[in-house]
Amino acid sequence: MRKRTIDLVLSIVASTVALLLSWPYWRDFQYWPESRLLWGVYFVVGFALSVYVFYAFMVAIHTLFEHDALEHAEAAQARASGNGTEGRP
């Protein structure tokens, strides 16, 4: 549960940074459209999707590291039991 909370907080922080970097204020409001409501909806939906993508990426990274750790543990166990593949490429 703690890992999920940390991943969610990191996803929100990363999405907030991305939102701030894309905000029109940094460009002297040159890109504001006629409908500010739709612009706001665009940013809210983009922020929500950004949080989801960052969170899914974090989960995938954790899964990859867990699988790598399992492979290293299996290789170490095989070497310790003498069933290793020392002669194989």
PDB file of N, CA and C in Angstrom:
ATOM      1  N   MET A   1       0.824  -1.192   0.000  1.00  0.00           N
ATOM      2  CA  MET A   1       0.000   0.000   0.000  1.00  0.00           C
ATOM      3  C   MET A   1       0.873   1.262   0.000  1.00  0.00           C
ATOM      4  N   ARG A   2       1.973   1.200   0.711  1.00  0.00           N
ATOM      5  CA  ARG A   2       2.856   2.364   0.789  1.00  0.00           C
ATOM      6  C   ARG A   2       3.498   2.659  -0.558  1.00  0.00           C
ATOM      7  N   LYS A   3       3.880   1.592  -1.296  1.00  0.00           N
ATOM      8  CA  LYS A   3       4.489   1.763  -2.605  1.00  0.00           C
ATOM      9  C   LYS A   3       3.500   2.409  -3.573  1.00  0.00           C
ATOM     10  N   ARG A   4       2.242   2.009  -3.505  1.00  0.00           N
ATOM     11  CA  ARG A   4       1.220   2.592  -4.371  1.00  0.00           C
ATOM     12  C   ARG A   4       1.033   4.073  -4.086  1.00  0.00           C
ATOM     13  N   THR A   5       1.036   4.423  -2.802  1.00  0.00           N
ATOM     14  CA  THR A   5       0.871   5.829  -2.421  1.00  0.00           C
ATOM     15  C   THR A   5       2.041   6.658  -2.923  1.00  0.00           C
ATOM     16  N   ILE A   6       3.238   6.144  -2.753  1.00  0.00           N
ATOM     17  CA  ILE A   6       4.428   6.858  -3.229  1.00  0.00           C
ATOM     18  C   ILE A   6       4.378   7.008  -4.744  1.00  0.00           C
ATOM     19  N   ASP A   7       4.008   5.943  -5.452  1.00  0.00           N
ATOM     20  CA  ASP A   7       3.903   6.016  -6.910  1.00  0.00           C
ATOM     21  C   ASP A   7       2.859   7.040  -7.340  1.00  0.00           C
ATOM     22  N   LEU A   8       1.728   7.079  -6.648  1.00  0.00           N
ATOM     23  CA  LEU A   8       0.680   8.035  -6.992  1.00  0.00           C
ATOM     24  C   LEU A   8       1.142   9.465  -6.740  1.00  0.00           C
ATOM     25  N   VAL A   9       1.819   9.700  -5.627  1.00  0.00           N
ATOM     26  CA  VAL A   9       2.316  11.041  -5.320  1.00  0.00           C
ATOM     27  C   VAL A   9       3.365  11.468  -6.351  1.00  0.00           C
ATOM     28  N   LEU A  10       4.275  10.565  -6.706  1.00  0.00           N
ATOM     29  CA  LEU A  10       5.274  10.884  -7.728  1.00  0.00           C
ATOM     30  C   LEU A  10       4.621  11.166  -9.082  1.00  0.00           C
ATOM     31  N   SER A  11       3.578  10.421  -9.404  1.00  0.00           N
ATOM     32  CA  SER A  11       2.862  10.647 -10.657  1.00  0.00           C
ATOM     33  C   SER A  11       2.182  12.012 -10.667  1.00  0.00           C
ATOM     34  N   ILE A  12       1.591  12.386  -9.547  1.00  0.00           N
ATOM     35  CA  ILE A  12       0.931  13.692  -9.457  1.00  0.00           C
ATOM     36  C   ILE A  12       1.955  14.813  -9.544  1.00  0.00           C
ATOM     37  N   VAL A  13       3.087  14.656  -8.877  1.00  0.00           N
ATOM     38  CA  VAL A  13       4.132  15.688  -8.934  1.00  0.00           C
ATOM     39  C   VAL A  13       4.675  15.822 -10.351  1.00  0.00           C
ATOM     40  N   ALA A  14       4.956  14.703 -11.005  1.00  0.00           N
ATOM     41  CA  ALA A  14       5.476  14.752 -12.373  1.00  0.00           C
ATOM     42  C   ALA A  14       4.452  15.365 -13.327  1.00  0.00           C
ATOM     43  N   SER A  15       3.188  15.043 -13.136  1.00  0.00           N
ATOM     44  CA  SER A  15       2.144  15.613 -13.985  1.00  0.00           C
ATOM     45  C   SER A  15       1.978  17.107 -13.730  1.00  0.00           C
ATOM     46  N   THR A  16       2.126  17.519 -12.483  1.00  0.00           N
ATOM     47  CA  THR A  16       2.034  18.940 -12.158  1.00  0.00           C
ATOM     48  C   THR A  16       3.174  19.718 -12.817  1.00  0.00           C
ATOM     49  N   VAL A  17       4.364  19.152 -12.777  1.00  0.00           N
ATOM     50  CA  VAL A  17       5.505  19.803 -13.426  1.00  0.00           C
ATOM     51  C   VAL A  17       5.258  19.901 -14.933  1.00  0.00           C
ATOM     52  N   ALA A  18       4.747  18.836 -15.535  1.00  0.00           N
ATOM     53  CA  ALA A  18       4.460  18.861 -16.968  1.00  0.00           C
ATOM     54  C   ALA A  18       3.383  19.894 -17.284  1.00  0.00           C
ATOM     55  N   LEU A  19       2.382  20.002 -16.424  1.00  0.00           N
ATOM     56  CA  LEU A  19       1.325  20.996 -16.629  1.00  0.00           C
ATOM     57  C   LEU A  19       1.882  22.412 -16.537  1.00  0.00           C
ATOM     58  N   LEU A  20       2.714  22.642 -15.547  1.00  0.00           N
ATOM     59  CA  LEU A  20       3.287  23.981 -15.394  1.00  0.00           C
ATOM     60  C   LEU A  20       4.199  24.348 -16.560  1.00  0.00           C
ATOM     61  N   LEU A  21       4.898  23.361 -17.089  1.00  0.00           N
ATOM     62  CA  LEU A  21       5.766  23.640 -18.234  1.00  0.00           C
ATOM     63  C   LEU A  21       4.977  23.929 -19.503  1.00  0.00           C
ATOM     64  N   SER A  22       3.755  23.438 -19.583  1.00  0.00           N
ATOM     65  CA  SER A  22       2.950  23.659 -20.785  1.00  0.00           C
ATOM     66  C   SER A  22       1.957  24.805 -20.623  1.00  0.00           C
ATOM     67  N   TRP A  23       1.923  25.438 -19.482  1.00  0.00           N
ATOM     68  CA  TRP A  23       0.960  26.512 -19.234  1.00  0.00           C
ATOM     69  C   TRP A  23       1.276  27.722 -20.110  1.00  0.00           C
ATOM     70  N   PRO A  24       0.272  28.375 -20.679  1.00  0.00           N
ATOM     71  CA  PRO A  24       0.507  29.495 -21.610  1.00  0.00           C
ATOM     72  C   PRO A  24       1.160  30.712 -20.955  1.00  0.00           C
ATOM     73  N   TYR A  25       1.159  30.806 -19.637  1.00  0.00           N
ATOM     74  CA  TYR A  25       1.772  31.947 -18.965  1.00  0.00           C
ATOM     75  C   TYR A  25       3.237  32.094 -19.362  1.00  0.00           C
ATOM     76  N   TRP A  26       3.903  30.971 -19.544  1.00  0.00           N
ATOM     77  CA  TRP A  26       5.325  31.006 -19.895  1.00  0.00           C
ATOM     78  C   TRP A  26       5.541  31.521 -21.308  1.00  0.00           C
ATOM     79  N   ARG A  27       4.472  31.538 -22.107  1.00  0.00           N
ATOM     80  CA  ARG A  27       4.576  32.011 -23.492  1.00  0.00           C
ATOM     81  C   ARG A  27       3.834  33.328 -23.684  1.00  0.00           C
ATOM     82  N   ASP A  28       3.694  34.116 -22.652  1.00  0.00           N
ATOM     83  CA  ASP A  28       3.004  35.404 -22.691  1.00  0.00           C
ATOM     84  C   ASP A  28       1.565  35.273 -23.200  1.00  0.00           C
ATOM     85  N   PHE A  29       0.917  34.171 -22.869  1.00  0.00           N
ATOM     86  CA  PHE A  29      -0.485  33.922 -23.242  1.00  0.00           C
ATOM     87  C   PHE A  29      -0.714  34.004 -24.753  1.00  0.00           C
ATOM     88  N   GLN A  30       0.258  33.641 -25.550  1.00  0.00           N
ATOM     89  CA  GLN A  30       0.118  33.712 -27.002  1.00  0.00           C
ATOM     90  C   GLN A  30      -0.814  32.639 -27.545  1.00  0.00           C
ATOM     91  N   TYR A  31      -0.972  31.547 -26.816  1.00  0.00           N
ATOM     92  CA  TYR A  31      -1.725  30.419 -27.353  1.00  0.00           C
ATOM     93  C   TYR A  31      -3.084  30.224 -26.700  1.00  0.00           C
ATOM     94  N   TRP A  32      -3.633  31.202 -26.021  1.00  0.00           N
ATOM     95  CA  TRP A  32      -4.966  31.054 -25.432  1.00  0.00           C
ATOM     96  C   TRP A  32      -6.004  31.019 -26.549  1.00  0.00           C
ATOM     97  N   PRO A  33      -6.889  30.055 -26.545  1.00  0.00           N
ATOM     98  CA  PRO A  33      -7.929  29.997 -27.580  1.00  0.00           C
ATOM     99  C   PRO A  33      -9.097  30.928 -27.230  1.00  0.00           C
ATOM    100  N   GLU A  34     -10.082  30.948 -28.095  1.00  0.00           N
ATOM    101  CA  GLU A  34     -11.245  31.788 -27.832  1.00  0.00           C
ATOM    102  C   GLU A  34     -12.052  31.258 -26.662  1.00  0.00           C
ATOM    103  N   SER A  35     -12.164  29.949 -26.546  1.00  0.00           N
ATOM    104  CA  SER A  35     -12.947  29.350 -25.460  1.00  0.00           C
ATOM    105  C   SER A  35     -12.020  28.920 -24.325  1.00  0.00           C
ATOM    106  N   ARG A  36     -12.000  29.703 -23.274  1.00  0.00           N
ATOM    107  CA  ARG A  36     -11.143  29.340 -22.136  1.00  0.00           C
ATOM    108  C   ARG A  36     -11.678  28.132 -21.386  1.00  0.00           C
ATOM    109  N   LEU A  37     -12.993  27.897 -21.457  1.00  0.00           N
ATOM    110  CA  LEU A  37     -13.581  26.723 -20.810  1.00  0.00           C
ATOM    111  C   LEU A  37     -13.018  25.453 -21.441  1.00  0.00           C
ATOM    112  N   LEU A  38     -13.002  25.386 -22.758  1.00  0.00           N
ATOM    113  CA  LEU A  38     -12.461  24.201 -23.417  1.00  0.00           C
ATOM    114  C   LEU A  38     -10.961  24.056 -23.171  1.00  0.00           C
ATOM    115  N   TRP A  39     -10.266  25.174 -23.068  1.00  0.00           N
ATOM    116  CA  TRP A  39      -8.843  25.121 -22.755  1.00  0.00           C
ATOM    117  C   TRP A  39      -8.637  24.516 -21.362  1.00  0.00           C
ATOM    118  N   GLY A  40      -9.478  24.923 -20.414  1.00  0.00           N
ATOM    119  CA  GLY A  40      -9.402  24.362 -19.063  1.00  0.00           C
ATOM    120  C   GLY A  40      -9.725  22.881 -19.050  1.00  0.00           C
ATOM    121  N   VAL A  41     -10.758  22.484 -19.810  1.00  0.00           N
ATOM    122  CA  VAL A  41     -11.112  21.062 -19.908  1.00  0.00           C
ATOM    123  C   VAL A  41      -9.941  20.287 -20.509  1.00  0.00           C
ATOM    124  N   TYR A  42      -9.315  20.864 -21.513  1.00  0.00           N
ATOM    125  CA  TYR A  42      -8.157  20.234 -22.151  1.00  0.00           C
ATOM    126  C   TYR A  42      -7.041  19.978 -21.130  1.00  0.00           C
ATOM    127  N   PHE A  43      -6.766  20.971 -20.287  1.00  0.00           N
ATOM    128  CA  PHE A  43      -5.713  20.807 -19.288  1.00  0.00           C
ATOM    129  C   PHE A  43      -6.113  19.810 -18.197  1.00  0.00           C
ATOM    130  N   VAL A  44      -7.365  19.807 -17.782  1.00  0.00           N
ATOM    131  CA  VAL A  44      -7.808  18.878 -16.736  1.00  0.00           C
ATOM    132  C   VAL A  44      -7.755  17.438 -17.249  1.00  0.00           C
ATOM    133  N   VAL A  45      -8.277  17.211 -18.445  1.00  0.00           N
ATOM    134  CA  VAL A  45      -8.242  15.858 -19.016  1.00  0.00           C
ATOM    135  C   VAL A  45      -6.796  15.433 -19.268  1.00  0.00           C
ATOM    136  N   GLY A  46      -5.991  16.331 -19.788  1.00  0.00           N
ATOM    137  CA  GLY A  46      -4.577  16.013 -20.014  1.00  0.00           C
ATOM    138  C   GLY A  46      -3.850  15.686 -18.724  1.00  0.00           C
ATOM    139  N   PHE A  47      -4.175  16.427 -17.652  1.00  0.00           N
ATOM    140  CA  PHE A  47      -3.547  16.164 -16.358  1.00  0.00           C
ATOM    141  C   PHE A  47      -3.932  14.781 -15.849  1.00  0.00           C
ATOM    142  N   ALA A  48      -5.220  14.447 -15.950  1.00  0.00           N
ATOM    143  CA  ALA A  48      -5.681  13.127 -15.484  1.00  0.00           C
ATOM    144  C   ALA A  48      -5.020  12.006 -16.283  1.00  0.00           C
ATOM    145  N   LEU A  49      -4.947  12.161 -17.589  1.00  0.00           N
ATOM    146  CA  LEU A  49      -4.277  11.148 -18.408  1.00  0.00           C
ATOM    147  C   LEU A  49      -2.790  11.062 -18.090  1.00  0.00           C
ATOM    148  N   SER A  50      -2.189  12.190 -17.821  1.00  0.00           N
ATOM    149  CA  SER A  50      -0.774  12.225 -17.473  1.00  0.00           C
ATOM    150  C   SER A  50      -0.509  11.468 -16.169  1.00  0.00           C
ATOM    151  N   VAL A  51      -1.355  11.684 -15.181  1.00  0.00           N
ATOM    152  CA  VAL A  51      -1.200  10.967 -13.910  1.00  0.00           C
ATOM    153  C   VAL A  51      -1.321   9.467 -14.151  1.00  0.00           C
ATOM    154  N   TYR A  52      -2.304   9.059 -14.948  1.00  0.00           N
ATOM    155  CA  TYR A  52      -2.504   7.640 -15.240  1.00  0.00           C
ATOM    156  C   TYR A  52      -1.285   7.039 -15.941  1.00  0.00           C
ATOM    157  N   VAL A  53      -0.758   7.740 -16.939  1.00  0.00           N
ATOM    158  CA  VAL A  53       0.384   7.217 -17.701  1.00  0.00           C
ATOM    159  C   VAL A  53       1.625   7.118 -16.811  1.00  0.00           C
ATOM    160  N   PHE A  54       1.892   8.150 -16.004  1.00  0.00           N
ATOM    161  CA  PHE A  54       3.039   8.089 -15.092  1.00  0.00           C
ATOM    162  C   PHE A  54       2.880   6.946 -14.091  1.00  0.00           C
ATOM    163  N   TYR A  55       1.655   6.757 -13.568  1.00  0.00           N
ATOM    164  CA  TYR A  55       1.422   5.694 -12.593  1.00  0.00           C
ATOM    165  C   TYR A  55       1.616   4.322 -13.242  1.00  0.00           C
ATOM    166  N   ALA A  56       1.067   4.132 -14.447  1.00  0.00           N
ATOM    167  CA  ALA A  56       1.240   2.859 -15.149  1.00  0.00           C
ATOM    168  C   ALA A  56       2.721   2.597 -15.445  1.00  0.00           C
ATOM    169  N   PHE A  57       3.471   3.637 -15.791  1.00  0.00           N
ATOM    170  CA  PHE A  57       4.900   3.493 -16.033  1.00  0.00           C
ATOM    171  C   PHE A  57       5.620   3.049 -14.761  1.00  0.00           C
ATOM    172  N   MET A  58       5.266   3.644 -13.634  1.00  0.00           N
ATOM    173  CA  MET A  58       5.906   3.271 -12.365  1.00  0.00           C
ATOM    174  C   MET A  58       5.608   1.811 -12.012  1.00  0.00           C
ATOM    175  N   VAL A  59       4.383   1.374 -12.220  1.00  0.00           N
ATOM    176  CA  VAL A  59       4.021  -0.026 -11.950  1.00  0.00           C
ATOM    177  C   VAL A  59       4.810  -0.958 -12.859  1.00  0.00           C
ATOM    178  N   ALA A  60       4.941  -0.601 -14.131  1.00  0.00           N
ATOM    179  CA  ALA A  60       5.700  -1.437 -15.066  1.00  0.00           C
ATOM    180  C   ALA A  60       7.169  -1.517 -14.667  1.00  0.00           C
ATOM    181  N   ILE A  61       7.733  -0.406 -14.231  1.00  0.00           N
ATOM    182  CA  ILE A  61       9.138  -0.400 -13.797  1.00  0.00           C
ATOM    183  C   ILE A  61       9.329  -1.294 -12.576  1.00  0.00           C
ATOM    184  N   HIS A  62       8.400  -1.219 -11.626  1.00  0.00           N
ATOM    185  CA  HIS A  62       8.497  -2.086 -10.442  1.00  0.00           C
ATOM    186  C   HIS A  62       8.439  -3.558 -10.849  1.00  0.00           C
ATOM    187  N   THR A  63       7.558  -3.881 -11.783  1.00  0.00           N
ATOM    188  CA  THR A  63       7.433  -5.266 -12.238  1.00  0.00           C
ATOM    189  C   THR A  63       8.722  -5.730 -12.906  1.00  0.00           C
ATOM    190  N   LEU A  64       9.311  -4.889 -13.733  1.00  0.00           N
ATOM    191  CA  LEU A  64      10.571  -5.262 -14.383  1.00  0.00           C
ATOM    192  C   LEU A  64      11.682  -5.497 -13.365  1.00  0.00           C
ATOM    193  N   PHE A  65      11.780  -4.638 -12.365  1.00  0.00           N
ATOM    194  CA  PHE A  65      12.812  -4.823 -11.343  1.00  0.00           C
ATOM    195  C   PHE A  65      12.565  -6.079 -10.504  1.00  0.00           C
ATOM    196  N   GLU A  66      11.307  -6.387 -10.219  1.00  0.00           N
ATOM    197  CA  GLU A  66      11.002  -7.609  -9.464  1.00  0.00           C
ATOM    198  C   GLU A  66      11.383  -8.848 -10.265  1.00  0.00           C
ATOM    199  N   HIS A  67      11.082  -8.860 -11.566  1.00  0.00           N
ATOM    200  CA  HIS A  67      11.448 -10.007 -12.397  1.00  0.00           C
ATOM    201  C   HIS A  67      12.967 -10.142 -12.505  1.00  0.00           C
ATOM    202  N   ASP A  68      13.657  -9.033 -12.609  1.00  0.00           N
ATOM    203  CA  ASP A  68      15.117  -9.075 -12.666  1.00  0.00           C
ATOM    204  C   ASP A  68      15.689  -9.627 -11.363  1.00  0.00           C
ATOM    205  N   ALA A  69      15.127  -9.216 -10.244  1.00  0.00           N
ATOM    206  CA  ALA A  69      15.592  -9.725  -8.947  1.00  0.00           C
ATOM    207  C   ALA A  69      15.347 -11.223  -8.835  1.00  0.00           C
ATOM    208  N   LEU A  70      14.215 -11.696  -9.334  1.00  0.00           N
ATOM    209  CA  LEU A  70      13.941 -13.136  -9.307  1.00  0.00           C
ATOM    210  C   LEU A  70      14.944 -13.904 -10.163  1.00  0.00           C
ATOM    211  N   GLU A  71      15.262 -13.382 -11.335  1.00  0.00           N
ATOM    212  CA  GLU A  71      16.238 -14.053 -12.195  1.00  0.00           C
ATOM    213  C   GLU A  71      17.613 -14.102 -11.538  1.00  0.00           C
ATOM    214  N   HIS A  72      18.012 -13.017 -10.893  1.00  0.00           N
ATOM    215  CA  HIS A  72      19.306 -13.010 -10.203  1.00  0.00           C
ATOM    216  C   HIS A  72      19.307 -13.988  -9.028  1.00  0.00           C
ATOM    217  N   ALA A  73      18.198 -14.070  -8.311  1.00  0.00           N
ATOM    218  CA  ALA A  73      18.113 -15.009  -7.189  1.00  0.00           C
ATOM    219  C   ALA A  73      18.164 -16.448  -7.675  1.00  0.00           C
ATOM    220  N   GLU A  74      17.482 -16.747  -8.785  1.00  0.00           N
ATOM    221  CA  GLU A  74      17.519 -18.101  -9.332  1.00  0.00           C
ATOM    222  C   GLU A  74      18.918 -18.459  -9.825  1.00  0.00           C
ATOM    223  N   ALA A  75      19.605 -17.512 -10.442  1.00  0.00           N
ATOM    224  CA  ALA A  75      20.964 -17.769 -10.928  1.00  0.00           C
ATOM    225  C   ALA A  75      21.913 -17.993  -9.759  1.00  0.00           C
ATOM    226  N   ALA A  76      21.772 -17.214  -8.703  1.00  0.00           N
ATOM    227  CA  ALA A  76      22.630 -17.385  -7.527  1.00  0.00           C
ATOM    228  C   ALA A  76      22.364 -18.724  -6.862  1.00  0.00           C
ATOM    229  N   GLN A  77      21.101 -19.127  -6.803  1.00  0.00           N
ATOM    230  CA  GLN A  77      20.756 -20.415  -6.196  1.00  0.00           C
ATOM    231  C   GLN A  77      21.312 -21.563  -7.040  1.00  0.00           C
ATOM    232  N   ALA A  78      21.243 -21.421  -8.350  1.00  0.00           N
ATOM    233  CA  ALA A  78      21.773 -22.470  -9.232  1.00  0.00           C
ATOM    234  C   ALA A  78      23.287 -22.589  -9.080  1.00  0.00           C
ATOM    235  N   ARG A  79      23.985 -21.458  -8.956  1.00  0.00           N
ATOM    236  CA  ARG A  79      25.432 -21.510  -8.748  1.00  0.00           C
ATOM    237  C   ARG A  79      25.775 -22.121  -7.397  1.00  0.00           C
ATOM    238  N   ALA A  80      24.993 -21.805  -6.379  1.00  0.00           N
ATOM    239  CA  ALA A  80      25.278 -22.319  -5.042  1.00  0.00           C
ATOM    240  C   ALA A  80      25.030 -23.818  -4.953  1.00  0.00           C
ATOM    241  N   SER A  81      24.052 -24.322  -5.685  1.00  0.00           N
ATOM    242  CA  SER A  81      23.751 -25.755  -5.606  1.00  0.00           C
ATOM    243  C   SER A  81      24.613 -26.583  -6.555  1.00  0.00           C
ATOM    244  N   GLY A  82      25.411 -25.922  -7.374  1.00  0.00           N
ATOM    245  CA  GLY A  82      26.308 -26.649  -8.272  1.00  0.00           C
ATOM    246  C   GLY A  82      25.661 -26.980  -9.600  1.00  0.00           C
ATOM    247  N   ASN A  83      24.450 -26.540  -9.818  1.00  0.00           N
ATOM    248  CA  ASN A  83      23.766 -26.818 -11.084  1.00  0.00           C
ATOM    249  C   ASN A  83      23.947 -25.659 -12.052  1.00  0.00           C
ATOM    250  N   GLY A  84      24.934 -24.852 -11.828  1.00  0.00           N
ATOM    251  CA  GLY A  84      25.143 -23.661 -12.643  1.00  0.00           C
ATOM    252  C   GLY A  84      25.549 -23.998 -14.062  1.00  0.00           C
ATOM    253  N   THR A  85      25.571 -23.014 -14.860  1.00  0.00           N
ATOM    254  CA  THR A  85      25.943 -23.180 -16.269  1.00  0.00           C
ATOM    255  C   THR A  85      27.252 -22.477 -16.531  1.00  0.00           C
ATOM    256  N   GLU A  86      28.274 -22.883 -15.791  1.00  0.00           N
ATOM    257  CA  GLU A  86      29.562 -22.200 -15.913  1.00  0.00           C
ATOM    258  C   GLU A  86      30.169 -22.364 -17.292  1.00  0.00           C
ATOM    259  N   GLY A  87      29.987 -23.509 -17.946  1.00  0.00           N
ATOM    260  CA  GLY A  87      30.611 -23.744 -19.226  1.00  0.00           C
ATOM    261  C   GLY A  87      29.805 -23.236 -20.398  1.00  0.00           C
ATOM    262  N   ARG A  88      28.583 -22.822 -20.152  1.00  0.00           N
ATOM    263  CA  ARG A  88      27.712 -22.388 -21.242  1.00  0.00           C
ATOM    264  C   ARG A  88      27.813 -20.898 -21.480  1.00  0.00           C
ATOM    265  N   PRO A  89      27.621 -20.497 -22.755  1.00  0.00           N
ATOM    266  CA  PRO A  89      27.673 -19.052 -23.048  1.00  0.00           C
ATOM    267  C   PRO A  89      26.410 -18.340 -22.615  1.00  0.00           C
TER     268      PRO A  89
END
